[in-house]
C-alpha cells in the first residue's frame, strides 16, 4: 500500500468545512471508510504532515465531544445571553 494525496478524494466525496474568511487551517486528521476490492471494509487514518500525536489525540477527543453533543461554544452562549 502506498501513501496517496487525498485532497481530490475528499473533494469528490463533497467534504466541506464551515470556515470564516481569514481562518487558517493548521492541521488535519481524516478518517476514511474504505471498501477493498474484495469487499472487506476498513478504516484508514490520514493526518497532515506536521500533526503530532498529542494534538491528534486532542482533536479526536474534541470531535467525540462535538458528535456526542457535549461541546458548547462559549462564544455562541455569549451571543444568546
PDB file of N, CA and C in Angstrom:
ATOM      1  N   UNK A   1       0.852  -1.178   0.000  1.00  0.00           N
ATOM      2  CA  UNK A   1       0.000   0.000   0.000  1.00  0.00           C
ATOM      3  C   UNK A   1       0.896   1.239   0.000  1.00  0.00           C
ATOM      4  N   UNK A   2       0.591   2.213  -0.824  1.00  0.00           N
ATOM      5  CA  UNK A   2       1.409   3.416  -0.941  1.00  0.00           C
ATOM      6  C   UNK A   2       0.634   4.635  -0.459  1.00  0.00           C
ATOM      7  N   UNK A   3       1.346   5.579   0.160  1.00  0.00           N
ATOM      8  CA  UNK A   3       0.711   6.835   0.563  1.00  0.00           C
ATOM      9  C   UNK A   3       0.238   7.576  -0.675  1.00  0.00           C
ATOM     10  N   UNK A   4      -0.951   8.169  -0.559  1.00  0.00           N
ATOM     11  CA  UNK A   4      -1.527   8.935  -1.663  1.00  0.00           C
ATOM     12  C   UNK A   4      -2.047  10.260  -1.136  1.00  0.00           C
ATOM     13  N   UNK A   5      -1.964  11.288  -1.938  1.00  0.00           N
ATOM     14  CA  UNK A   5      -2.612  12.565  -1.610  1.00  0.00           C
ATOM     15  C   UNK A   5      -4.116  12.334  -1.699  1.00  0.00           C
ATOM     16  N   UNK A   6      -4.895  12.880  -0.751  1.00  0.00           N
ATOM     17  CA  UNK A   6      -6.331  12.578  -0.719  1.00  0.00           C
ATOM     18  C   UNK A   6      -7.222  13.794  -0.941  1.00  0.00           C
ATOM     19  N   UNK A   7      -6.643  14.930  -1.264  1.00  0.00           N
ATOM     20  CA  UNK A   7      -7.444  16.128  -1.476  1.00  0.00           C
ATOM     21  C   UNK A   7      -8.533  15.934  -2.513  1.00  0.00           C
ATOM     22  N   UNK A   8      -8.190  15.344  -3.653  1.00  0.00           N
ATOM     23  CA  UNK A   8      -9.178  15.127  -4.708  1.00  0.00           C
ATOM     24  C   UNK A   8     -10.235  14.115  -4.276  1.00  0.00           C
ATOM     25  N   UNK A   9      -9.830  13.114  -3.488  1.00  0.00           N
ATOM     26  CA  UNK A   9     -10.813  12.144  -2.989  1.00  0.00           C
ATOM     27  C   UNK A   9     -11.839  12.830  -2.084  1.00  0.00           C
ATOM     28  N   UNK A  10     -11.355  13.697  -1.208  1.00  0.00           N
ATOM     29  CA  UNK A  10     -12.266  14.422  -0.311  1.00  0.00           C
ATOM     30  C   UNK A  10     -13.178  15.349  -1.104  1.00  0.00           C
ATOM     31  N   UNK A  11     -12.623  16.010  -2.112  1.00  0.00           N
ATOM     32  CA  UNK A  11     -13.437  16.876  -2.974  1.00  0.00           C
ATOM     33  C   UNK A  11     -14.526  16.071  -3.670  1.00  0.00           C
ATOM     34  N   UNK A  12     -14.163  14.893  -4.190  1.00  0.00           N
ATOM     35  CA  UNK A  12     -15.129  14.055  -4.906  1.00  0.00           C
ATOM     36  C   UNK A  12     -16.241  13.567  -3.983  1.00  0.00           C
ATOM     37  N   UNK A  13     -15.926  13.402  -2.696  1.00  0.00           N
ATOM     38  CA  UNK A  13     -16.939  12.977  -1.720  1.00  0.00           C
ATOM     39  C   UNK A  13     -17.796  14.147  -1.231  1.00  0.00           C
ATOM     40  N   UNK A  14     -17.433  15.366  -1.630  1.00  0.00           N
ATOM     41  CA  UNK A  14     -18.201  16.542  -1.225  1.00  0.00           C
ATOM     42  C   UNK A  14     -17.906  17.005   0.193  1.00  0.00           C
ATOM     43  N   UNK A  15     -16.714  16.704   0.692  1.00  0.00           N
ATOM     44  CA  UNK A  15     -16.338  17.103   2.049  1.00  0.00           C
ATOM     45  C   UNK A  15     -16.157  18.612   2.095  1.00  0.00           C
ATOM     46  N   UNK A  16     -16.827  19.261   3.061  1.00  0.00           N
ATOM     47  CA  UNK A  16     -16.707  20.704   3.248  1.00  0.00           C
ATOM     48  C   UNK A  16     -16.457  20.993   4.727  1.00  0.00           C
ATOM     49  N   UNK A  17     -16.028  22.202   5.014  1.00  0.00           N
ATOM     50  CA  UNK A  17     -15.816  22.647   6.389  1.00  0.00           C
ATOM     51  C   UNK A  17     -16.385  24.050   6.533  1.00  0.00           C
ATOM     52  N   UNK A  18     -16.936  24.344   7.704  1.00  0.00           N
ATOM     53  CA  UNK A  18     -17.505  25.657   7.991  1.00  0.00           C
ATOM     54  C   UNK A  18     -16.386  26.569   8.482  1.00  0.00           C
ATOM     55  N   UNK A  19     -15.808  27.347   7.570  1.00  0.00           N
ATOM     56  CA  UNK A  19     -14.691  28.230   7.890  1.00  0.00           C
ATOM     57  C   UNK A  19     -15.067  29.669   7.581  1.00  0.00           C
ATOM     58  N   UNK A  20     -14.588  30.580   8.400  1.00  0.00           N
ATOM     59  CA  UNK A  20     -14.797  32.002   8.163  1.00  0.00           C
ATOM     60  C   UNK A  20     -13.643  32.559   7.340  1.00  0.00           C
ATOM     61  N   UNK A  21     -13.900  33.668   6.651  1.00  0.00           N
ATOM     62  CA  UNK A  21     -12.855  34.340   5.884  1.00  0.00           C
ATOM     63  C   UNK A  21     -11.704  34.680   6.832  1.00  0.00           C
ATOM     64  N   UNK A  22     -10.505  34.346   6.443  1.00  0.00           N
ATOM     65  CA  UNK A  22      -9.336  34.636   7.264  1.00  0.00           C
ATOM     66  C   UNK A  22      -8.935  33.501   8.196  1.00  0.00           C
ATOM     67  N   UNK A  23      -9.788  32.469   8.338  1.00  0.00           N
ATOM     68  CA  UNK A  23      -9.419  31.315   9.167  1.00  0.00           C
ATOM     69  C   UNK A  23      -8.230  30.612   8.533  1.00  0.00           C
ATOM     70  N   UNK A  24      -7.307  30.126   9.373  1.00  0.00           N
ATOM     71  CA  UNK A  24      -6.131  29.426   8.865  1.00  0.00           C
ATOM     72  C   UNK A  24      -6.142  27.993   9.398  1.00  0.00           C
ATOM     73  N   UNK A  25      -6.297  27.043   8.511  1.00  0.00           N
ATOM     74  CA  UNK A  25      -6.258  25.631   8.887  1.00  0.00           C
ATOM     75  C   UNK A  25      -4.800  25.244   9.072  1.00  0.00           C
ATOM     76  N   UNK A  26      -4.474  24.659  10.240  1.00  0.00           N
ATOM     77  CA  UNK A  26      -3.082  24.326  10.533  1.00  0.00           C
ATOM     78  C   UNK A  26      -2.817  22.825  10.571  1.00  0.00           C
ATOM     79  N   UNK A  27      -3.828  22.022  10.846  1.00  0.00           N
ATOM     80  CA  UNK A  27      -3.656  20.580  10.933  1.00  0.00           C
ATOM     81  C   UNK A  27      -4.930  19.895  10.467  1.00  0.00           C
ATOM     82  N   UNK A  28      -4.790  18.632  10.088  1.00  0.00           N
ATOM     83  CA  UNK A  28      -5.953  17.845   9.689  1.00  0.00           C
ATOM     84  C   UNK A  28      -5.781  16.403  10.144  1.00  0.00           C
ATOM     85  N   UNK A  29      -6.894  15.828  10.561  1.00  0.00           N
ATOM     86  CA  UNK A  29      -6.953  14.410  10.919  1.00  0.00           C
ATOM     87  C   UNK A  29      -8.188  13.865  10.229  1.00  0.00           C
ATOM     88  N   UNK A  30      -8.007  12.920   9.310  1.00  0.00           N
ATOM     89  CA  UNK A  30      -9.099  12.426   8.487  1.00  0.00           C
ATOM     90  C   UNK A  30      -9.261  10.925   8.727  1.00  0.00           C
ATOM     91  N   UNK A  31     -10.496  10.488   8.886  1.00  0.00           N
ATOM     92  CA  UNK A  31     -10.797   9.065   8.984  1.00  0.00           C
ATOM     93  C   UNK A  31     -11.554   8.666   7.727  1.00  0.00           C
ATOM     94  N   UNK A  32     -11.064   7.664   7.029  1.00  0.00           N
ATOM     95  CA  UNK A  32     -11.664   7.228   5.783  1.00  0.00           C
ATOM     96  C   UNK A  32     -12.233   5.827   5.927  1.00  0.00           C
ATOM     97  N   UNK A  33     -13.462   5.626   5.464  1.00  0.00           N
ATOM     98  CA  UNK A  33     -14.037   4.283   5.362  1.00  0.00           C
ATOM     99  C   UNK A  33     -13.697   3.785   3.972  1.00  0.00           C
ATOM    100  N   UNK A  34     -13.019   2.650   3.899  1.00  0.00           N
ATOM    101  CA  UNK A  34     -12.532   2.129   2.627  1.00  0.00           C
ATOM    102  C   UNK A  34     -13.136   0.752   2.377  1.00  0.00           C
ATOM    103  N   UNK A  35     -13.713   0.565   1.192  1.00  0.00           N
ATOM    104  CA  UNK A  35     -14.176  -0.749   0.765  1.00  0.00           C
ATOM    105  C   UNK A  35     -13.102  -1.309  -0.161  1.00  0.00           C
ATOM    106  N   UNK A  36     -12.499  -2.397   0.265  1.00  0.00           N
ATOM    107  CA  UNK A  36     -11.417  -3.023  -0.500  1.00  0.00           C
ATOM    108  C   UNK A  36     -11.973  -3.729  -1.745  1.00  0.00           C
ATOM    109  N   UNK A  37     -11.101  -4.063  -2.675  1.00  0.00           N
ATOM    110  CA  UNK A  37     -11.506  -4.732  -3.913  1.00  0.00           C
ATOM    111  C   UNK A  37     -12.232  -6.044  -3.644  1.00  0.00           C
ATOM    112  N   UNK A  38     -11.891  -6.717  -2.535  1.00  0.00           N
ATOM    113  CA  UNK A  38     -12.532  -7.993  -2.206  1.00  0.00           C
ATOM    114  C   UNK A  38     -13.821  -7.817  -1.402  1.00  0.00           C
ATOM    115  N   UNK A  39     -14.218  -6.562  -1.146  1.00  0.00           N
ATOM    116  CA  UNK A  39     -15.449  -6.284  -0.422  1.00  0.00           C
ATOM    117  C   UNK A  39     -15.265  -6.016   1.060  1.00  0.00           C
ATOM    118  N   UNK A  40     -14.080  -6.299   1.598  1.00  0.00           N
ATOM    119  CA  UNK A  40     -13.813  -6.009   3.007  1.00  0.00           C
ATOM    120  C   UNK A  40     -13.885  -4.504   3.250  1.00  0.00           C
ATOM    121  N   UNK A  41     -14.336  -4.118   4.451  1.00  0.00           N
ATOM    122  CA  UNK A  41     -14.428  -2.713   4.825  1.00  0.00           C
ATOM    123  C   UNK A  41     -13.410  -2.444   5.928  1.00  0.00           C
ATOM    124  N   UNK A  42     -12.694  -1.328   5.805  1.00  0.00           N
ATOM    125  CA  UNK A  42     -11.724  -0.963   6.830  1.00  0.00           C
ATOM    126  C   UNK A  42     -11.738   0.539   7.049  1.00  0.00           C
ATOM    127  N   UNK A  43     -11.100   0.965   8.108  1.00  0.00           N
ATOM    128  CA  UNK A  43     -10.913   2.380   8.387  1.00  0.00           C
ATOM    129  C   UNK A  43      -9.445   2.715   8.200  1.00  0.00           C
ATOM    130  N   UNK A  44      -9.192   3.880   7.614  1.00  0.00           N
ATOM    131  CA  UNK A  44      -7.832   4.352   7.401  1.00  0.00           C
ATOM    132  C   UNK A  44      -7.724   5.745   8.000  1.00  0.00           C
ATOM    133  N   UNK A  45      -6.644   5.987   8.719  1.00  0.00           N
ATOM    134  CA  UNK A  45      -6.389   7.298   9.318  1.00  0.00           C
ATOM    135  C   UNK A  45      -5.367   8.035   8.472  1.00  0.00           C
ATOM    136  N   UNK A  46      -5.637   9.312   8.194  1.00  0.00           N
ATOM    137  CA  UNK A  46      -4.690  10.168   7.484  1.00  0.00           C
ATOM    138  C   UNK A  46      -4.526  11.450   8.286  1.00  0.00           C
ATOM    139  N   UNK A  47      -3.303  11.938   8.377  1.00  0.00           N
ATOM    140  CA  UNK A  47      -3.051  13.168   9.130  1.00  0.00           C
ATOM    141  C   UNK A  47      -2.157  14.093   8.314  1.00  0.00           C
ATOM    142  N   UNK A  48      -2.240  15.379   8.642  1.00  0.00           N
ATOM    143  CA  UNK A  48      -1.348  16.335   7.992  1.00  0.00           C
ATOM    144  C   UNK A  48       0.082  16.082   8.453  1.00  0.00           C
ATOM    145  N   UNK A  49       1.009  16.508   7.624  1.00  0.00           N
ATOM    146  CA  UNK A  49       2.418  16.179   7.811  1.00  0.00           C
ATOM    147  C   UNK A  49       2.977  16.572   9.183  1.00  0.00           C
ATOM    148  N   UNK A  50       2.599  17.730   9.697  1.00  0.00           N
ATOM    149  CA  UNK A  50       3.184  18.232  10.940  1.00  0.00           C
ATOM    150  C   UNK A  50       2.378  17.877  12.191  1.00  0.00           C
ATOM    151  N   UNK A  51       1.283  17.130  12.034  1.00  0.00           N
ATOM    152  CA  UNK A  51       0.414  16.826  13.178  1.00  0.00           C
ATOM    153  C   UNK A  51       1.118  15.881  14.142  1.00  0.00           C
ATOM    154  N   UNK A  52       1.284  16.319  15.390  1.00  0.00           N
ATOM    155  CA  UNK A  52       1.909  15.475  16.399  1.00  0.00           C
ATOM    156  C   UNK A  52       0.843  14.649  17.119  1.00  0.00           C
ATOM    157  N   UNK A  53       1.248  13.615  17.832  1.00  0.00           N
ATOM    158  CA  UNK A  53       0.296  12.682  18.433  1.00  0.00           C
ATOM    159  C   UNK A  53      -0.538  13.331  19.534  1.00  0.00           C
ATOM    160  N   UNK A  54       0.022  14.296  20.254  1.00  0.00           N
ATOM    161  CA  UNK A  54      -0.735  14.957  21.319  1.00  0.00           C
ATOM    162  C   UNK A  54      -1.889  15.760  20.721  1.00  0.00           C
ATOM    163  N   UNK A  55      -1.604  16.518  19.679  1.00  0.00           N
ATOM    164  CA  UNK A  55      -2.648  17.304  19.026  1.00  0.00           C
ATOM    165  C   UNK A  55      -3.672  16.388  18.356  1.00  0.00           C
ATOM    166  N   UNK A  56      -3.203  15.305  17.726  1.00  0.00           N
ATOM    167  CA  UNK A  56      -4.122  14.352  17.096  1.00  0.00           C
ATOM    168  C   UNK A  56      -5.080  13.765  18.135  1.00  0.00           C
ATOM    169  N   UNK A  57      -4.572  13.383  19.279  1.00  0.00           N
ATOM    170  CA  UNK A  57      -5.418  12.837  20.343  1.00  0.00           C
ATOM    171  C   UNK A  57      -6.406  13.888  20.840  1.00  0.00           C
ATOM    172  N   UNK A  58      -5.946  15.117  20.999  1.00  0.00           N
ATOM    173  CA  UNK A  58      -6.838  16.201  21.412  1.00  0.00           C
ATOM    174  C   UNK A  58      -7.934  16.458  20.396  1.00  0.00           C
ATOM    175  N   UNK A  59      -7.589  16.423  19.113  1.00  0.00           N
ATOM    176  CA  UNK A  59      -8.581  16.631  18.058  1.00  0.00           C
ATOM    177  C   UNK A  59      -9.618  15.517  18.071  1.00  0.00           C
ATOM    178  N   UNK A  60      -9.170  14.278  18.214  1.00  0.00           N
ATOM    179  CA  UNK A  60     -10.104  13.147  18.266  1.00  0.00           C
ATOM    180  C   UNK A  60     -11.042  13.254  19.463  1.00  0.00           C
ATOM    181  N   UNK A  61     -10.489  13.617  20.612  1.00  0.00           N
ATOM    182  CA  UNK A  61     -11.300  13.770  21.821  1.00  0.00           C
ATOM    183  C   UNK A  61     -12.334  14.875  21.644  1.00  0.00           C
ATOM    184  N   UNK A  62     -11.929  15.987  21.041  1.00  0.00           N
ATOM    185  CA  UNK A  62     -12.853  17.096  20.810  1.00  0.00           C
ATOM    186  C   UNK A  62     -13.965  16.698  19.842  1.00  0.00           C
ATOM    187  N   UNK A  63     -13.616  15.958  18.786  1.00  0.00           N
ATOM    188  CA  UNK A  63     -14.624  15.511  17.824  1.00  0.00           C
ATOM    189  C   UNK A  63     -15.652  14.615  18.510  1.00  0.00           C
ATOM    190  N   UNK A  64     -15.203  13.726  19.391  1.00  0.00           N
ATOM    191  CA  UNK A  64     -16.139  12.869  20.123  1.00  0.00           C
ATOM    192  C   UNK A  64     -17.095  13.702  20.968  1.00  0.00           C
ATOM    193  N   UNK A  65     -16.583  14.731  21.630  1.00  0.00           N
ATOM    194  CA  UNK A  65     -17.436  15.622  22.422  1.00  0.00           C
ATOM    195  C   UNK A  65     -18.466  16.328  21.547  1.00  0.00           C
ATOM    196  N   UNK A  66     -18.011  16.827  20.400  1.00  0.00           N
ATOM    197  CA  UNK A  66     -18.913  17.529  19.484  1.00  0.00           C
ATOM    198  C   UNK A  66     -19.979  16.568  18.970  1.00  0.00           C
ATOM    199  N   UNK A  67     -19.579  15.380  18.526  1.00  0.00           N
ATOM    200  CA  UNK A  67     -20.516  14.397  17.975  1.00  0.00           C
ATOM    201  C   UNK A  67     -21.520  13.919  19.020  1.00  0.00           C
ATOM    202  N   UNK A  68     -21.095  13.837  20.273  1.00  0.00           N
ATOM    203  CA  UNK A  68     -21.980  13.375  21.348  1.00  0.00           C
ATOM    204  C   UNK A  68     -22.801  14.504  21.953  1.00  0.00           C
ATOM    205  N   UNK A  69     -22.667  15.725  21.419  1.00  0.00           N
ATOM    206  CA  UNK A  69     -23.482  16.850  21.874  1.00  0.00           C
ATOM    207  C   UNK A  69     -23.023  17.461  23.178  1.00  0.00           C
ATOM    208  N   UNK A  70     -21.827  17.147  23.635  1.00  0.00           N
ATOM    209  CA  UNK A  70     -21.357  17.666  24.911  1.00  0.00           C
ATOM    210  C   UNK A  70     -20.575  18.948  24.820  1.00  0.00           C
ATOM    211  N   UNK A  71     -20.259  19.386  23.601  1.00  0.00           N
ATOM    212  CA  UNK A  71     -19.446  20.587  23.418  1.00  0.00           C
ATOM    213  C   UNK A  71     -20.348  21.794  23.234  1.00  0.00           C
ATOM    214  N   UNK A  72     -20.071  22.853  24.010  1.00  0.00           N
ATOM    215  CA  UNK A  72     -20.799  24.103  23.847  1.00  0.00           C
ATOM    216  C   UNK A  72     -19.774  25.197  23.600  1.00  0.00           C
ATOM    217  N   UNK A  73     -19.930  25.921  22.505  1.00  0.00           N
ATOM    218  CA  UNK A  73     -19.032  27.013  22.167  1.00  0.00           C
ATOM    219  C   UNK A  73     -19.354  28.210  23.045  1.00  0.00           C
ATOM    220  N   UNK A  74     -18.402  28.647  23.873  1.00  0.00           N
ATOM    221  CA  UNK A  74     -18.623  29.762  24.795  1.00  0.00           C
ATOM    222  C   UNK A  74     -19.024  31.023  24.036  1.00  0.00           C
ATOM    223  N   UNK A  75     -18.492  31.252  22.857  1.00  0.00           N
ATOM    224  CA  UNK A  75     -18.848  32.445  22.071  1.00  0.00           C
ATOM    225  C   UNK A  75     -20.307  32.399  21.663  1.00  0.00           C
ATOM    226  N   UNK A  76     -20.835  31.205  21.341  1.00  0.00           N
ATOM    227  CA  UNK A  76     -22.250  31.077  20.988  1.00  0.00           C
ATOM    228  C   UNK A  76     -23.136  31.362  22.186  1.00  0.00           C
ATOM    229  N   UNK A  77     -22.728  30.934  23.373  1.00  0.00           N
ATOM    230  CA  UNK A  77     -23.513  31.189  24.587  1.00  0.00           C
ATOM    231  C   UNK A  77     -23.595  32.682  24.878  1.00  0.00           C
ATOM    232  N   UNK A  78     -22.484  33.410  24.672  1.00  0.00           N
ATOM    233  CA  UNK A  78     -22.467  34.851  24.901  1.00  0.00           C
ATOM    234  C   UNK A  78     -23.418  35.571  23.951  1.00  0.00           C
ATOM    235  N   UNK A  79     -23.493  35.095  22.704  1.00  0.00           N
ATOM    236  CA  UNK A  79     -24.400  35.703  21.726  1.00  0.00           C
ATOM    237  C   UNK A  79     -25.857  35.514  22.134  1.00  0.00           C
ATOM    238  N   UNK A  80     -26.176  34.364  22.764  1.00  0.00           N
ATOM    239  CA  UNK A  80     -27.539  34.066  23.166  1.00  0.00           C
ATOM    240  C   UNK A  80     -27.950  34.810  24.429  1.00  0.00           C
ATOM    241  N   UNK A  81     -26.971  35.162  25.257  1.00  0.00           N
ATOM    242  CA  UNK A  81     -27.251  35.722  26.568  1.00  0.00           C
ATOM    243  C   UNK A  81     -27.427  37.157  26.519  1.00  0.00           C
TER     244      UNK A  81
END
